[in-house]
Amino acid sequence: MLAYRIEDAEGRGPYVTRGLCYYQYASSDRFRNKPMAMPGPVRDYPLLRSGVDCDKTFVYAFKSLDDLRRVFKSYEGRKAMKRKGFVVTVYECHPEHYVEGTAQCVFRKEHSKMLHTIDLVKLK
């Protein structure tokens, strides 16, 4: 199972959760993507039912590059994220440490293998 996670060099994702999702970089980004196109865990029933939203050992990712592109549509927005150090990191996940939701997935990084990274600007 593959997971496509947008993260920086320290492994942090682009969202900060405080009831809503915010881009860490987007407060002045006029080329905003659509961060709310991906429902939070409380709206993604399979994830909510699994209880992973309470388990901080899981990190969030996309199930496919198509899902990632649907949320992060803007080329200029992806360029802004790249300037902040973000890339797409592809992980191979063990099924027992991976839960698929309707719009996203979660997995445990410590039980997954990082395969490679993809430049956000080169996504087509």
PDB file of N, CA and C in Angstrom:
ATOM      1  N   MET A   1       0.845  -1.167   0.000  1.00  0.00           N
ATOM      2  CA  MET A   1       0.000   0.000   0.000  1.00  0.00           C
ATOM      3  C   MET A   1       0.891   1.231   0.000  1.00  0.00           C
ATOM      4  N   LEU A   2       0.544   2.187  -0.854  1.00  0.00           N
ATOM      5  CA  LEU A   2       1.333   3.397  -0.955  1.00  0.00           C
ATOM      6  C   LEU A   2       0.591   4.573  -0.328  1.00  0.00           C
ATOM      7  N   ALA A   3       1.365   5.477   0.248  1.00  0.00           N
ATOM      8  CA  ALA A   3       0.836   6.725   0.795  1.00  0.00           C
ATOM      9  C   ALA A   3       1.674   7.861   0.228  1.00  0.00           C
ATOM     10  N   TYR A   4       0.998   8.937  -0.149  1.00  0.00           N
ATOM     11  CA  TYR A   4       1.637  10.107  -0.742  1.00  0.00           C
ATOM     12  C   TYR A   4       1.472  11.258   0.238  1.00  0.00           C
ATOM     13  N   ARG A   5       2.544  11.581   0.930  1.00  0.00           N
ATOM     14  CA  ARG A   5       2.482  12.575   2.010  1.00  0.00           C
ATOM     15  C   ARG A   5       3.255  13.831   1.620  1.00  0.00           C
ATOM     16  N   ILE A   6       2.614  14.974   1.737  1.00  0.00           N
ATOM     17  CA  ILE A   6       3.313  16.243   1.562  1.00  0.00           C
ATOM     18  C   ILE A   6       3.936  16.580   2.898  1.00  0.00           C
ATOM     19  N   GLU A   7       5.267  16.748   2.875  1.00  0.00           N
ATOM     20  CA  GLU A   7       5.965  17.048   4.125  1.00  0.00           C
ATOM     21  C   GLU A   7       7.241  17.822   3.846  1.00  0.00           C
ATOM     22  N   ASP A   8       7.778  18.422   4.915  1.00  0.00           N
ATOM     23  CA  ASP A   8       9.031  19.144   4.791  1.00  0.00           C
ATOM     24  C   ASP A   8      10.179  18.224   5.212  1.00  0.00           C
ATOM     25  N   ALA A   9      11.382  18.759   5.258  1.00  0.00           N
ATOM     26  CA  ALA A   9      12.560  17.945   5.574  1.00  0.00           C
ATOM     27  C   ALA A   9      12.503  17.349   6.977  1.00  0.00           C
ATOM     28  N   GLU A  10      11.734  17.951   7.855  1.00  0.00           N
ATOM     29  CA  GLU A  10      11.596  17.431   9.216  1.00  0.00           C
ATOM     30  C   GLU A  10      10.410  16.496   9.372  1.00  0.00           C
ATOM     31  N   GLY A  11       9.718  16.209   8.256  1.00  0.00           N
ATOM     32  CA  GLY A  11       8.601  15.265   8.288  1.00  0.00           C
ATOM     33  C   GLY A  11       7.277  15.870   8.689  1.00  0.00           C
ATOM     34  N   ARG A  12       7.208  17.200   8.786  1.00  0.00           N
ATOM     35  CA  ARG A  12       5.949  17.854   9.147  1.00  0.00           C
ATOM     36  C   ARG A  12       5.084  18.044   7.919  1.00  0.00           C
ATOM     37  N   GLY A  13       3.793  17.826   8.085  1.00  0.00           N
ATOM     38  CA  GLY A  13       2.852  18.018   6.991  1.00  0.00           C
ATOM     39  C   GLY A  13       2.449  19.468   6.842  1.00  0.00           C
ATOM     40  N   PRO A  14       1.680  19.798   5.788  1.00  0.00           N
ATOM     41  CA  PRO A  14       1.318  21.185   5.518  1.00  0.00           C
ATOM     42  C   PRO A  14       0.130  21.714   6.306  1.00  0.00           C
ATOM     43  N   TYR A  15      -0.508  20.886   7.101  1.00  0.00           N
ATOM     44  CA  TYR A  15      -1.675  21.324   7.863  1.00  0.00           C
ATOM     45  C   TYR A  15      -1.325  21.472   9.333  1.00  0.00           C
ATOM     46  N   VAL A  16      -1.975  22.435   9.949  1.00  0.00           N
ATOM     47  CA  VAL A  16      -1.959  22.557  11.400  1.00  0.00           C
ATOM     48  C   VAL A  16      -3.428  22.462  11.797  1.00  0.00           C
ATOM     49  N   THR A  17      -3.756  21.567  12.707  1.00  0.00           N
ATOM     50  CA  THR A  17      -5.155  21.348  13.045  1.00  0.00           C
ATOM     51  C   THR A  17      -5.496  22.059  14.345  1.00  0.00           C
ATOM     52  N   ARG A  18      -6.506  22.912  14.262  1.00  0.00           N
ATOM     53  CA  ARG A  18      -7.070  23.581  15.437  1.00  0.00           C
ATOM     54  C   ARG A  18      -8.581  23.647  15.247  1.00  0.00           C
ATOM     55  N   GLY A  19      -9.186  22.523  14.981  1.00  0.00           N
ATOM     56  CA  GLY A  19     -10.617  22.484  14.675  1.00  0.00           C
ATOM     57  C   GLY A  19     -10.850  22.610  13.177  1.00  0.00           C
ATOM     58  N   LEU A  20     -10.029  23.402  12.486  1.00  0.00           N
ATOM     59  CA  LEU A  20     -10.045  23.517  11.036  1.00  0.00           C
ATOM     60  C   LEU A  20      -8.620  23.281  10.555  1.00  0.00           C
ATOM     61  N   CYS A  21      -8.462  23.046   9.274  1.00  0.00           N
ATOM     62  CA  CYS A  21      -7.129  22.854   8.719  1.00  0.00           C
ATOM     63  C   CYS A  21      -6.639  24.162   8.104  1.00  0.00           C
ATOM     64  N   TYR A  22      -5.418  24.525   8.407  1.00  0.00           N
ATOM     65  CA  TYR A  22      -4.796  25.730   7.863  1.00  0.00           C
ATOM     66  C   TYR A  22      -3.492  25.330   7.186  1.00  0.00           C
ATOM     67  N   TYR A  23      -3.175  25.959   6.086  1.00  0.00           N
ATOM     68  CA  TYR A  23      -1.831  25.781   5.543  1.00  0.00           C
ATOM     69  C   TYR A  23      -0.874  26.515   6.466  1.00  0.00           C
ATOM     70  N   GLN A  24       0.296  25.936   6.661  1.00  0.00           N
ATOM     71  CA  GLN A  24       1.291  26.631   7.464  1.00  0.00           C
ATOM     72  C   GLN A  24       1.832  27.842   6.712  1.00  0.00           C
ATOM     73  N   TYR A  25       1.830  27.779   5.397  1.00  0.00           N
ATOM     74  CA  TYR A  25       2.441  28.844   4.610  1.00  0.00           C
ATOM     75  C   TYR A  25       1.440  29.809   4.003  1.00  0.00           C
ATOM     76  N   ALA A  26       0.167  29.517   4.008  1.00  0.00           N
ATOM     77  CA  ALA A  26      -0.765  30.154   3.069  1.00  0.00           C
ATOM     78  C   ALA A  26      -1.347  31.481   3.519  1.00  0.00           C
ATOM     79  N   SER A  27      -0.994  31.986   4.680  1.00  0.00           N
ATOM     80  CA  SER A  27      -1.665  33.202   5.128  1.00  0.00           C
ATOM     81  C   SER A  27      -1.486  34.346   4.141  1.00  0.00           C
ATOM     82  N   SER A  28      -0.369  34.383   3.409  1.00  0.00           N
ATOM     83  CA  SER A  28      -0.182  35.441   2.418  1.00  0.00           C
ATOM     84  C   SER A  28      -0.102  34.884   0.999  1.00  0.00           C
ATOM     85  N   ASP A  29      -0.475  33.632   0.814  1.00  0.00           N
ATOM     86  CA  ASP A  29      -0.391  33.001  -0.503  1.00  0.00           C
ATOM     87  C   ASP A  29      -1.645  33.326  -1.305  1.00  0.00           C
ATOM     88  N   ARG A  30      -1.511  34.154  -2.338  1.00  0.00           N
ATOM     89  CA  ARG A  30      -2.678  34.511  -3.143  1.00  0.00           C
ATOM     90  C   ARG A  30      -3.079  33.392  -4.082  1.00  0.00           C
ATOM     91  N   PHE A  31      -2.265  32.347  -4.172  1.00  0.00           N
ATOM     92  CA  PHE A  31      -2.561  31.215  -5.049  1.00  0.00           C
ATOM     93  C   PHE A  31      -2.983  30.010  -4.217  1.00  0.00           C
ATOM     94  N   ARG A  32      -3.871  30.201  -3.289  1.00  0.00           N
ATOM     95  CA  ARG A  32      -4.267  29.103  -2.402  1.00  0.00           C
ATOM     96  C   ARG A  32      -4.827  27.938  -3.186  1.00  0.00           C
ATOM     97  N   ASN A  33      -4.497  26.791  -2.715  1.00  0.00           N
ATOM     98  CA  ASN A  33      -5.081  25.578  -3.272  1.00  0.00           C
ATOM     99  C   ASN A  33      -6.433  25.385  -2.609  1.00  0.00           C
ATOM    100  N   LYS A  34      -6.849  24.174  -2.367  1.00  0.00           N
ATOM    101  CA  LYS A  34      -8.143  23.928  -1.760  1.00  0.00           C
ATOM    102  C   LYS A  34      -7.976  22.995  -0.557  1.00  0.00           C
ATOM    103  N   PRO A  35      -7.423  23.521   0.547  1.00  0.00           N
ATOM    104  CA  PRO A  35      -7.170  22.640   1.694  1.00  0.00           C
ATOM    105  C   PRO A  35      -8.436  22.042   2.268  1.00  0.00           C
ATOM    106  N   MET A  36      -9.576  22.718   2.108  1.00  0.00           N
ATOM    107  CA  MET A  36     -10.806  22.179   2.671  1.00  0.00           C
ATOM    108  C   MET A  36     -11.456  21.153   1.749  1.00  0.00           C
ATOM    109  N   ALA A  37     -10.869  20.915   0.567  1.00  0.00           N
ATOM    110  CA  ALA A  37     -11.397  19.877  -0.320  1.00  0.00           C
ATOM    111  C   ALA A  37     -11.162  18.490   0.271  1.00  0.00           C
ATOM    112  N   MET A  38     -10.232  18.391   1.207  1.00  0.00           N
ATOM    113  CA  MET A  38      -9.999  17.121   1.881  1.00  0.00           C
ATOM    114  C   MET A  38     -10.650  17.221   3.254  1.00  0.00           C
ATOM    115  N   PRO A  39     -11.674  16.418   3.510  1.00  0.00           N
ATOM    116  CA  PRO A  39     -12.348  16.533   4.802  1.00  0.00           C
ATOM    117  C   PRO A  39     -11.428  16.131   5.947  1.00  0.00           C
ATOM    118  N   GLY A  40     -11.617  16.783   7.066  1.00  0.00           N
ATOM    119  CA  GLY A  40     -10.876  16.406   8.255  1.00  0.00           C
ATOM    120  C   GLY A  40     -11.302  15.026   8.726  1.00  0.00           C
ATOM    121  N   PRO A  41     -10.555  14.446   9.643  1.00  0.00           N
ATOM    122  CA  PRO A  41     -10.851  13.085  10.096  1.00  0.00           C
ATOM    123  C   PRO A  41     -12.257  12.905  10.659  1.00  0.00           C
ATOM    124  N   VAL A  42     -12.821  13.954  11.258  1.00  0.00           N
ATOM    125  CA  VAL A  42     -14.164  13.807  11.820  1.00  0.00           C
ATOM    126  C   VAL A  42     -15.232  13.743  10.743  1.00  0.00           C
ATOM    127  N   ARG A  43     -14.894  14.102   9.507  1.00  0.00           N
ATOM    128  CA  ARG A  43     -15.837  14.006   8.395  1.00  0.00           C
ATOM    129  C   ARG A  43     -15.546  12.818   7.491  1.00  0.00           C
ATOM    130  N   ASP A  44     -14.474  12.137   7.745  1.00  0.00           N
ATOM    131  CA  ASP A  44     -14.083  10.977   6.933  1.00  0.00           C
ATOM    132  C   ASP A  44     -14.451   9.733   7.734  1.00  0.00           C
ATOM    133  N   TYR A  45     -15.659   9.229   7.516  1.00  0.00           N
ATOM    134  CA  TYR A  45     -16.235   8.204   8.384  1.00  0.00           C
ATOM    135  C   TYR A  45     -15.349   6.974   8.607  1.00  0.00           C
ATOM    136  N   PRO A  46     -14.737   6.390   7.573  1.00  0.00           N
ATOM    137  CA  PRO A  46     -13.889   5.223   7.853  1.00  0.00           C
ATOM    138  C   PRO A  46     -12.741   5.530   8.822  1.00  0.00           C
ATOM    139  N   LEU A  47     -12.174   6.732   8.726  1.00  0.00           N
ATOM    140  CA  LEU A  47     -11.108   7.090   9.665  1.00  0.00           C
ATOM    141  C   LEU A  47     -11.672   7.331  11.055  1.00  0.00           C
ATOM    142  N   LEU A  48     -12.800   8.005  11.125  1.00  0.00           N
ATOM    143  CA  LEU A  48     -13.424   8.268  12.420  1.00  0.00           C
ATOM    144  C   LEU A  48     -13.791   6.961  13.112  1.00  0.00           C
ATOM    145  N   ARG A  49     -14.382   6.045  12.346  1.00  0.00           N
ATOM    146  CA  ARG A  49     -14.783   4.747  12.903  1.00  0.00           C
ATOM    147  C   ARG A  49     -13.588   3.953  13.403  1.00  0.00           C
ATOM    148  N   SER A  50     -12.430   4.115  12.744  1.00  0.00           N
ATOM    149  CA  SER A  50     -11.244   3.345  13.135  1.00  0.00           C
ATOM    150  C   SER A  50     -10.598   3.866  14.413  1.00  0.00           C
ATOM    151  N   GLY A  51     -10.907   5.116  14.792  1.00  0.00           N
ATOM    152  CA  GLY A  51     -10.324   5.684  16.000  1.00  0.00           C
ATOM    153  C   GLY A  51      -8.947   6.282  15.817  1.00  0.00           C
ATOM    154  N   VAL A  52      -8.438   6.342  14.591  1.00  0.00           N
ATOM    155  CA  VAL A  52      -7.066   6.833  14.390  1.00  0.00           C
ATOM    156  C   VAL A  52      -6.927   8.322  14.673  1.00  0.00           C
ATOM    157  N   ASP A  53      -8.049   9.062  14.665  1.00  0.00           N
ATOM    158  CA  ASP A  53      -7.946  10.493  14.937  1.00  0.00           C
ATOM    159  C   ASP A  53      -7.472  10.761  16.362  1.00  0.00           C
ATOM    160  N   CYS A  54      -7.581   9.776  17.230  1.00  0.00           N
ATOM    161  CA  CYS A  54      -7.115   9.907  18.610  1.00  0.00           C
ATOM    162  C   CYS A  54      -5.737   9.296  18.811  1.00  0.00           C
ATOM    163  N   ASP A  55      -5.195   8.667  17.786  1.00  0.00           N
ATOM    164  CA  ASP A  55      -3.914   7.972  17.873  1.00  0.00           C
ATOM    165  C   ASP A  55      -2.844   8.821  17.187  1.00  0.00           C
ATOM    166  N   LYS A  56      -2.008   9.463  17.969  1.00  0.00           N
ATOM    167  CA  LYS A  56      -1.010  10.393  17.430  1.00  0.00           C
ATOM    168  C   LYS A  56       0.168   9.691  16.757  1.00  0.00           C
ATOM    169  N   THR A  57       0.180   8.352  16.731  1.00  0.00           N
ATOM    170  CA  THR A  57       1.252   7.645  16.024  1.00  0.00           C
ATOM    171  C   THR A  57       0.984   7.570  14.527  1.00  0.00           C
ATOM    172  N   PHE A  58      -0.217   7.937  14.098  1.00  0.00           N
ATOM    173  CA  PHE A  58      -0.569   7.944  12.681  1.00  0.00           C
ATOM    174  C   PHE A  58      -0.345   9.343  12.100  1.00  0.00           C
ATOM    175  N   VAL A  59       0.078   9.384  10.846  1.00  0.00           N
ATOM    176  CA  VAL A  59       0.180  10.651  10.105  1.00  0.00           C
ATOM    177  C   VAL A  59      -0.741  10.560   8.892  1.00  0.00           C
ATOM    178  N   TYR A  60      -1.154  11.705   8.398  1.00  0.00           N
ATOM    179  CA  TYR A  60      -2.097  11.771   7.286  1.00  0.00           C
ATOM    180  C   TYR A  60      -1.380  11.885   5.950  1.00  0.00           C
ATOM    181  N   ALA A  61      -2.006  11.309   4.929  1.00  0.00           N
ATOM    182  CA  ALA A  61      -1.441  11.324   3.582  1.00  0.00           C
ATOM    183  C   ALA A  61      -2.581  11.170   2.580  1.00  0.00           C
ATOM    184  N   PHE A  62      -2.209  11.086   1.324  1.00  0.00           N
ATOM    185  CA  PHE A  62      -3.167  10.845   0.252  1.00  0.00           C
ATOM    186  C   PHE A  62      -3.041   9.397  -0.197  1.00  0.00           C
ATOM    187  N   LYS A  63      -4.165   8.843  -0.650  1.00  0.00           N
ATOM    188  CA  LYS A  63      -4.176   7.459  -1.144  1.00  0.00           C
ATOM    189  C   LYS A  63      -3.595   7.359  -2.539  1.00  0.00           C
ATOM    190  N   SER A  64      -3.604   8.473  -3.266  1.00  0.00           N
ATOM    191  CA  SER A  64      -3.121   8.459  -4.649  1.00  0.00           C
ATOM    192  C   SER A  64      -2.653   9.857  -5.030  1.00  0.00           C
ATOM    193  N   LEU A  65      -1.876   9.911  -6.089  1.00  0.00           N
ATOM    194  CA  LEU A  65      -1.477  11.216  -6.614  1.00  0.00           C
ATOM    195  C   LEU A  65      -2.678  11.975  -7.168  1.00  0.00           C
ATOM    196  N   ASP A  66      -3.677  11.259  -7.681  1.00  0.00           N
ATOM    197  CA  ASP A  66      -4.890  11.915  -8.164  1.00  0.00           C
ATOM    198  C   ASP A  66      -5.596  12.657  -7.027  1.00  0.00           C
ATOM    199  N   ASP A  67      -5.683  12.030  -5.853  1.00  0.00           N
ATOM    200  CA  ASP A  67      -6.295  12.686  -4.701  1.00  0.00           C
ATOM    201  C   ASP A  67      -5.494  13.919  -4.297  1.00  0.00           C
ATOM    202  N   LEU A  68      -4.182  13.795  -4.306  1.00  0.00           N
ATOM    203  CA  LEU A  68      -3.319  14.916  -3.965  1.00  0.00           C
ATOM    204  C   LEU A  68      -3.530  16.072  -4.946  1.00  0.00           C
ATOM    205  N   ARG A  69      -3.559  15.756  -6.221  1.00  0.00           N
ATOM    206  CA  ARG A  69      -3.762  16.791  -7.249  1.00  0.00           C
ATOM    207  C   ARG A  69      -5.134  17.462  -7.135  1.00  0.00           C
ATOM    208  N   ARG A  70      -6.134  16.709  -6.691  1.00  0.00           N
ATOM    209  CA  ARG A  70      -7.481  17.263  -6.542  1.00  0.00           C
ATOM    210  C   ARG A  70      -7.499  18.345  -5.462  1.00  0.00           C
ATOM    211  N   VAL A  71      -6.752  18.163  -4.412  1.00  0.00           N
ATOM    212  CA  VAL A  71      -6.710  19.128  -3.316  1.00  0.00           C
ATOM    213  C   VAL A  71      -5.717  20.257  -3.605  1.00  0.00           C
ATOM    214  N   PHE A  72      -4.566  19.900  -4.149  1.00  0.00           N
ATOM    215  CA  PHE A  72      -3.508  20.885  -4.420  1.00  0.00           C
ATOM    216  C   PHE A  72      -3.447  21.141  -5.922  1.00  0.00           C
ATOM    217  N   LYS A  73      -4.473  21.804  -6.459  1.00  0.00           N
ATOM    218  CA  LYS A  73      -4.610  22.002  -7.900  1.00  0.00           C
ATOM    219  C   LYS A  73      -3.689  23.084  -8.447  1.00  0.00           C
ATOM    220  N   SER A  74      -3.423  24.082  -7.673  1.00  0.00           N
ATOM    221  CA  SER A  74      -2.738  25.273  -8.162  1.00  0.00           C
ATOM    222  C   SER A  74      -1.231  25.057  -8.317  1.00  0.00           C
ATOM    223  N   TYR A  75      -0.745  25.263  -9.536  1.00  0.00           N
ATOM    224  CA  TYR A  75       0.699  25.199  -9.790  1.00  0.00           C
ATOM    225  C   TYR A  75       1.428  26.249  -8.953  1.00  0.00           C
ATOM    226  N   GLU A  76       0.905  27.465  -8.923  1.00  0.00           N
ATOM    227  CA  GLU A  76       1.552  28.531  -8.149  1.00  0.00           C
ATOM    228  C   GLU A  76       1.529  28.220  -6.656  1.00  0.00           C
ATOM    229  N   GLY A  77       0.451  27.607  -6.204  1.00  0.00           N
ATOM    230  CA  GLY A  77       0.378  27.203  -4.803  1.00  0.00           C
ATOM    231  C   GLY A  77       1.408  26.143  -4.455  1.00  0.00           C
ATOM    232  N   ARG A  78       1.590  25.173  -5.363  1.00  0.00           N
ATOM    233  CA  ARG A  78       2.611  24.135  -5.136  1.00  0.00           C
ATOM    234  C   ARG A  78       4.018  24.741  -5.164  1.00  0.00           C
ATOM    235  N   LYS A  79       4.225  25.746  -6.032  1.00  0.00           N
ATOM    236  CA  LYS A  79       5.521  26.439  -6.053  1.00  0.00           C
ATOM    237  C   LYS A  79       5.788  27.122  -4.707  1.00  0.00           C
ATOM    238  N   ALA A  80       4.748  27.731  -4.147  1.00  0.00           N
ATOM    239  CA  ALA A  80       4.879  28.381  -2.846  1.00  0.00           C
ATOM    240  C   ALA A  80       5.236  27.358  -1.769  1.00  0.00           C
ATOM    241  N   MET A  81       4.608  26.187  -1.838  1.00  0.00           N
ATOM    242  CA  MET A  81       4.930  25.131  -0.869  1.00  0.00           C
ATOM    243  C   MET A  81       6.364  24.656  -1.059  1.00  0.00           C
ATOM    244  N   LYS A  82       6.799  24.510  -2.300  1.00  0.00           N
ATOM    245  CA  LYS A  82       8.179  24.084  -2.560  1.00  0.00           C
ATOM    246  C   LYS A  82       9.166  25.082  -1.969  1.00  0.00           C
ATOM    247  N   ARG A  83       8.881  26.368  -2.119  1.00  0.00           N
ATOM    248  CA  ARG A  83       9.768  27.386  -1.548  1.00  0.00           C
ATOM    249  C   ARG A  83       9.868  27.251  -0.039  1.00  0.00           C
ATOM    250  N   LYS A  84       8.827  26.722   0.588  1.00  0.00           N
ATOM    251  CA  LYS A  84       8.844  26.493   2.032  1.00  0.00           C
ATOM    252  C   LYS A  84       9.438  25.139   2.402  1.00  0.00           C
ATOM    253  N   GLY A  85       9.929  24.398   1.395  1.00  0.00           N
ATOM    254  CA  GLY A  85      10.622  23.146   1.674  1.00  0.00           C
ATOM    255  C   GLY A  85       9.780  21.889   1.595  1.00  0.00           C
ATOM    256  N   PHE A  86       8.563  21.975   1.073  1.00  0.00           N
ATOM    257  CA  PHE A  86       7.702  20.800   1.000  1.00  0.00           C
ATOM    258  C   PHE A  86       7.939  19.999  -0.277  1.00  0.00           C
ATOM    259  N   VAL A  87       7.827  18.690  -0.163  1.00  0.00           N
ATOM    260  CA  VAL A  87       7.887  17.748  -1.276  1.00  0.00           C
ATOM    261  C   VAL A  87       6.794  16.710  -1.040  1.00  0.00           C
ATOM    262  N   VAL A  88       6.555  15.887  -2.040  1.00  0.00           N
ATOM    263  CA  VAL A  88       5.685  14.718  -1.853  1.00  0.00           C
ATOM    264  C   VAL A  88       6.611  13.544  -1.544  1.00  0.00           C
ATOM    265  N   THR A  89       6.406  12.916  -0.421  1.00  0.00           N
ATOM    266  CA  THR A  89       7.179  11.740  -0.061  1.00  0.00           C
ATOM    267  C   THR A  89       6.283  10.518  -0.225  1.00  0.00           C
ATOM    268  N   VAL A  90       6.787   9.525  -0.930  1.00  0.00           N
ATOM    269  CA  VAL A  90       6.022   8.302  -1.185  1.00  0.00           C
ATOM    270  C   VAL A  90       6.494   7.229  -0.208  1.00  0.00           C
ATOM    271  N   TYR A  91       5.543   6.653   0.510  1.00  0.00           N
ATOM    272  CA  TYR A  91       5.829   5.608   1.494  1.00  0.00           C
ATOM    273  C   TYR A  91       5.147   4.304   1.087  1.00  0.00           C
ATOM    274  N   GLU A  92       5.842   3.212   1.327  1.00  0.00           N
ATOM    275  CA  GLU A  92       5.240   1.887   1.233  1.00  0.00           C
ATOM    276  C   GLU A  92       4.843   1.492   2.647  1.00  0.00           C
ATOM    277  N   CYS A  93       3.569   1.166   2.827  1.00  0.00           N
ATOM    278  CA  CYS A  93       3.020   0.942   4.161  1.00  0.00           C
ATOM    279  C   CYS A  93       2.588  -0.502   4.354  1.00  0.00           C
ATOM    280  N   HIS A  94       2.771  -0.998   5.573  1.00  0.00           N
ATOM    281  CA  HIS A  94       2.252  -2.311   5.940  1.00  0.00           C
ATOM    282  C   HIS A  94       0.753  -2.180   6.197  1.00  0.00           C
ATOM    283  N   PRO A  95      -0.051  -3.122   5.702  1.00  0.00           N
ATOM    284  CA  PRO A  95      -1.511  -3.022   5.860  1.00  0.00           C
ATOM    285  C   PRO A  95      -1.980  -2.852   7.303  1.00  0.00           C
ATOM    286  N   GLU A  96      -1.290  -3.451   8.258  1.00  0.00           N
ATOM    287  CA  GLU A  96      -1.738  -3.335   9.644  1.00  0.00           C
ATOM    288  C   GLU A  96      -1.457  -1.958  10.250  1.00  0.00           C
ATOM    289  N   HIS A  97      -0.665  -1.157   9.558  1.00  0.00           N
ATOM    290  CA  HIS A  97      -0.342   0.192  10.026  1.00  0.00           C
ATOM    291  C   HIS A  97      -0.830   1.252   9.046  1.00  0.00           C
ATOM    292  N   TYR A  98      -1.911   0.937   8.330  1.00  0.00           N
ATOM    293  CA  TYR A  98      -2.450   1.809   7.288  1.00  0.00           C
ATOM    294  C   TYR A  98      -3.965   1.734   7.353  1.00  0.00           C
ATOM    295  N   VAL A  99      -4.623   2.880   7.351  1.00  0.00           N
ATOM    296  CA  VAL A  99      -6.087   2.922   7.338  1.00  0.00           C
ATOM    297  C   VAL A  99      -6.500   3.861   6.208  1.00  0.00           C
ATOM    298  N   GLU A 100      -7.374   3.378   5.338  1.00  0.00           N
ATOM    299  CA  GLU A 100      -7.833   4.160   4.205  1.00  0.00           C
ATOM    300  C   GLU A 100      -9.186   4.763   4.517  1.00  0.00           C
ATOM    301  N   GLY A 101      -9.293   6.069   4.298  1.00  0.00           N
ATOM    302  CA  GLY A 101     -10.561   6.761   4.434  1.00  0.00           C
ATOM    303  C   GLY A 101     -11.162   7.012   3.073  1.00  0.00           C
ATOM    304  N   THR A 102     -12.176   7.849   3.031  1.00  0.00           N
ATOM    305  CA  THR A 102     -12.797   8.150   1.748  1.00  0.00           C
ATOM    306  C   THR A 102     -11.972   9.136   0.936  1.00  0.00           C
ATOM    307  N   ALA A 103     -11.287  10.064   1.589  1.00  0.00           N
ATOM    308  CA  ALA A 103     -10.538  11.097   0.873  1.00  0.00           C
ATOM    309  C   ALA A 103      -9.061  11.122   1.213  1.00  0.00           C
ATOM    310  N   GLN A 104      -8.655  10.353   2.176  1.00  0.00           N
ATOM    311  CA  GLN A 104      -7.266  10.361   2.614  1.00  0.00           C
ATOM    312  C   GLN A 104      -6.955   9.033   3.290  1.00  0.00           C
ATOM    313  N   CYS A 105      -5.715   8.915   3.718  1.00  0.00           N
ATOM    314  CA  CYS A 105      -5.329   7.724   4.470  1.00  0.00           C
ATOM    315  C   CYS A 105      -4.444   8.174   5.628  1.00  0.00           C
ATOM    316  N   VAL A 106      -4.258   7.275   6.560  1.00  0.00           N
ATOM    317  CA  VAL A 106      -3.322   7.503   7.645  1.00  0.00           C
ATOM    318  C   VAL A 106      -2.425   6.278   7.742  1.00  0.00           C
ATOM    319  N   PHE A 107      -1.207   6.499   8.235  1.00  0.00           N
ATOM    320  CA  PHE A 107      -0.274   5.392   8.385  1.00  0.00           C
ATOM    321  C   PHE A 107       0.742   5.729   9.466  1.00  0.00           C
ATOM    322  N   ARG A 108       1.422   4.709   9.932  1.00  0.00           N
ATOM    323  CA  ARG A 108       2.493   4.894  10.913  1.00  0.00           C
ATOM    324  C   ARG A 108       3.823   4.911  10.168  1.00  0.00           C
ATOM    325  N   LYS A 109       4.485   6.061  10.216  1.00  0.00           N
ATOM    326  CA  LYS A 109       5.743   6.217   9.484  1.00  0.00           C
ATOM    327  C   LYS A 109       6.820   5.247   9.971  1.00  0.00           C
ATOM    328  N   GLU A 110       6.840   4.994  11.261  1.00  0.00           N
ATOM    329  CA  GLU A 110       7.899   4.126  11.807  1.00  0.00           C
ATOM    330  C   GLU A 110       7.776   2.680  11.321  1.00  0.00           C
ATOM    331  N   HIS A 111       6.630   2.306  10.767  1.00  0.00           N
ATOM    332  CA  HIS A 111       6.426   0.969  10.219  1.00  0.00           C
ATOM    333  C   HIS A 111       6.325   0.990   8.694  1.00  0.00           C
ATOM    334  N   SER A 112       6.787   2.078   8.098  1.00  0.00           N
ATOM    335  CA  SER A 112       6.689   2.247   6.644  1.00  0.00           C
ATOM    336  C   SER A 112       8.067   2.526   6.063  1.00  0.00           C
ATOM    337  N   LYS A 113       8.180   2.280   4.773  1.00  0.00           N
ATOM    338  CA  LYS A 113       9.451   2.498   4.083  1.00  0.00           C
ATOM    339  C   LYS A 113       9.302   3.680   3.131  1.00  0.00           C
ATOM    340  N   MET A 114      10.185   4.662   3.294  1.00  0.00           N
ATOM    341  CA  MET A 114      10.185   5.805   2.383  1.00  0.00           C
ATOM    342  C   MET A 114      10.809   5.349   1.078  1.00  0.00           C
ATOM    343  N   LEU A 115      10.060   5.500  -0.031  1.00  0.00           N
ATOM    344  CA  LEU A 115      10.539   5.045  -1.330  1.00  0.00           C
ATOM    345  C   LEU A 115      11.271   6.141  -2.098  1.00  0.00           C
ATOM    346  N   HIS A 116      10.646   7.298  -2.215  1.00  0.00           N
ATOM    347  CA  HIS A 116      11.261   8.415  -2.925  1.00  0.00           C
ATOM    348  C   HIS A 116      10.431   9.676  -2.714  1.00  0.00           C
ATOM    349  N   THR A 117      10.949  10.784  -3.236  1.00  0.00           N
ATOM    350  CA  THR A 117      10.203  12.028  -3.160  1.00  0.00           C
ATOM    351  C   THR A 117       9.869  12.500  -4.569  1.00  0.00           C
ATOM    352  N   ILE A 118       8.847  13.347  -4.650  1.00  0.00           N
ATOM    353  CA  ILE A 118       8.411  13.939  -5.914  1.00  0.00           C
ATOM    354  C   ILE A 118       8.368  15.447  -5.710  1.00  0.00           C
ATOM    355  N   ASP A 119       8.949  16.164  -6.627  1.00  0.00           N
ATOM    356  CA  ASP A 119       8.944  17.617  -6.609  1.00  0.00           C
ATOM    357  C   ASP A 119       7.510  18.108  -6.820  1.00  0.00           C
ATOM    358  N   LEU A 120       7.016  18.947  -5.920  1.00  0.00           N
ATOM    359  CA  LEU A 120       5.651  19.466  -6.025  1.00  0.00           C
ATOM    360  C   LEU A 120       5.415  20.226  -7.336  1.00  0.00           C
ATOM    361  N   VAL A 121       6.435  20.902  -7.835  1.00  0.00           N
ATOM    362  CA  VAL A 121       6.283  21.693  -9.047  1.00  0.00           C
ATOM    363  C   VAL A 121       6.180  20.797 -10.279  1.00  0.00           C
ATOM    364  N   LYS A 122       6.773  19.612 -10.209  1.00  0.00           N
ATOM    365  CA  LYS A 122       6.762  18.717 -11.360  1.00  0.00           C
ATOM    366  C   LYS A 122       5.529  17.828 -11.425  1.00  0.00           C
ATOM    367  N   LEU A 123       4.633  17.924 -10.448  1.00  0.00           N
ATOM    368  CA  LEU A 123       3.377  17.163 -10.517  1.00  0.00           C
ATOM    369  C   LEU A 123       2.549  17.660 -11.683  1.00  0.00           C
ATOM    370  N   LYS A 124       2.014  16.744 -12.453  1.00  0.00           N
ATOM    371  CA  LYS A 124       1.177  17.140 -13.589  1.00  0.00           C
ATOM    372  C   LYS A 124      -0.236  16.661 -13.387  1.00  0.00           C
TER     373      LYS A 124
END
